[in-house]
Amino acid sequence: MALFWCTEALPLAVTALLPVLFFPLMGIMDSTSVCKEYLKDTNMLFLGGLLVAIAVEHCNLHKRIALRVLLIVGVRPALLLMGFMGVTAFLSMWISNTATTAMMVPIAQAVLDQLHQSEQRKMEAKPTQNGSANPAFELQEPDNGQANGHVVTIEKEKLPEDQRQLEKKHRNLSKGMSLSVCYSSSIGGLATLTGTTPNLVLKGQMDELFPDNHNVVNFASWFGFAFPTMVILLVLSWFWLMVMFLGFDFKKNFGYRASASEQMHSDTAYDVIRREHRSLGPMKFSEGTVLGLFIFLVLLWFTREPGFMPSWANALFSRDGVSYVTDATVVIFIALLMFFVPSEIPRCGSRSRRQEEGTKEIQVTPALLDWPTVHKKMPWNIIILLGGGFALAKGSEVSGLSEWLGSKLTPLQSIPHPAIVFLLCLLVAAFTECTSNVATTTLFLPILASMAQAICLNPLYVMLPCTLAASLAFMLPVATAPNAIVFSYGQLRVMDMVKAGCMLNLLGVLTITFAINTWAFPLFDLHHFPSWANGTNGQC
């Protein structure tokens, strides 16, 4: 399965079905036990999270949030870069990384094109040294099938130096903005348990490998660990991309030395964002309702089992000290509400034309979410892929493979624990550049859990950072879908992504290593080897 997932000889979801066939034939697990692994509580959490995300996309709420924040930030180069990264990361915390990138890239291109066009007009109107207008600036828009339709070819040999500098500046800004969108979408997914699939793989593996873990990984505890990590990495990424593509002139990047003409160009680009925002019109009833339900969902998630205060789940839905409610219960509740709540305010006394004509057919207000929309946008293959990973982990545990592999890694006990985390995160970050991040976490986490048990180390100490490292796919266009989307727009070369992504991978590994060795210790009680991880031999 590892070989097929790495080479994609079969579709990932098809490979995930292999345990259903081979585990019973090999006498590892019976078919009923294997099939139960394919729709666990974690899969339902993933399903519910996607249903809420689809509702946000369906009513266009995510675009309104993005444009509103950009209006607040403005269009000065450094702040514009920060604004796009912040908006993209926030949206990616709640909806698909791919959908976030697909929405944000066209907005970024529209703003950049407007900036470039205004500067071109200024350059064309500028007289040359002999007093005449410069006729040499020629633009062509070839029909080459590029995704953005804005790629221009310039006869560089005819361009004077100032125009070449203008084109270079626009090219660098376009590269930086494109990379900022795809990188921040991957970084933003780190912050929440439902932000990206590897996080849910960890949650499922913990429940599978350590059933008595007392729900140590839930939405609130994950957010407390991962959100500060995400913020630090986002700031470091913003600074690195600003230096790499905008240069070291920070005053100019922040607009402190902007001339009157440069301010006029910025105002023109700002008008593009304002027009896009105005085209959405006032907030609709459906957008406001989805926003309200979304906020209610997050509050329910945080207060279900916060740890520092009584929870509503334990007070209302528990028996013998065991809560019957999980994060999946909460999100499915909100998702079901979206199929009941109408998308428009019901108007009393209004009648359709057919009613006035005497027919029996009545006009029905559609709900916030409908099944055709869900069926079209739901990635069902990921649910099967998750299930296949859980089945593989269970088979590795039952057969003793995980324990055997873990015992072979006991020499790591002599290495300082932070060094173990750093090396493992580097390994996972390199591996995820070539294969699916879901497959990476599925393959590594059971082995890491067994290794931690073998050297009497809290399993979360290695499983948490390696799960985050699986999302550090910054170097190659094929590493993750957001990278592929921005690469298809034509401004980037593979080497551009490699140069920027190599440093970001290192910054990400260092940030994760710092996080797991600081605030994660009290949050998950990593100082002690937990009783739920002791296994059957009780050696620790």
Foldseek 3Di string as FASTA:
>chain_A
DLVCQLVVPDPLLVVLCVCLPVCVVVVLDNNVVLVVLLDDLLLLLLLLLALLQLLCVVQVLLVLVLLVQCLVQAVQQLSNLVSLLVSLLQNLQRYPLLVSLVVSLLLVVLLLVLLLVLVVVVQQPDADPVGHGQPQWDWDQDPPPFPNSPDIDTPVVSDDPVVVVSVLLSLLSSLLSLLSNSQSSLLSLQQFCNSDVLSSLLQLLCCLQQVPLVCLDFGQLSNVQRVVLSVVLNVVLSVLSCCVRVNDPVCSSRPVPDDPSSVVSSVSSSVSSVVVSCVVPDDAQLSVVSVVLVVVLVVLRCQQCVPPDDHPQQVPADDPSHGPDGNSNSSVVSSVVQQVAFSHDDDPPDFDPVVVVPDPDGDDGGGSDDDVSCVVPPPVSVSSSSSSLSSVLNSCVSVVVLLVLLLVLLVCLVPPLLVVQLVLLVVLLVSLLSGPLSSSLSVPLSNLLSNCLNSLFASCLNSVLNSSSSSLNQQACPSDSSSVVSVSNPSDDSVSRNVSSVVSSNVSSVSSSVSSPPPVCVSSVRVHRDPSSNPDVNPD
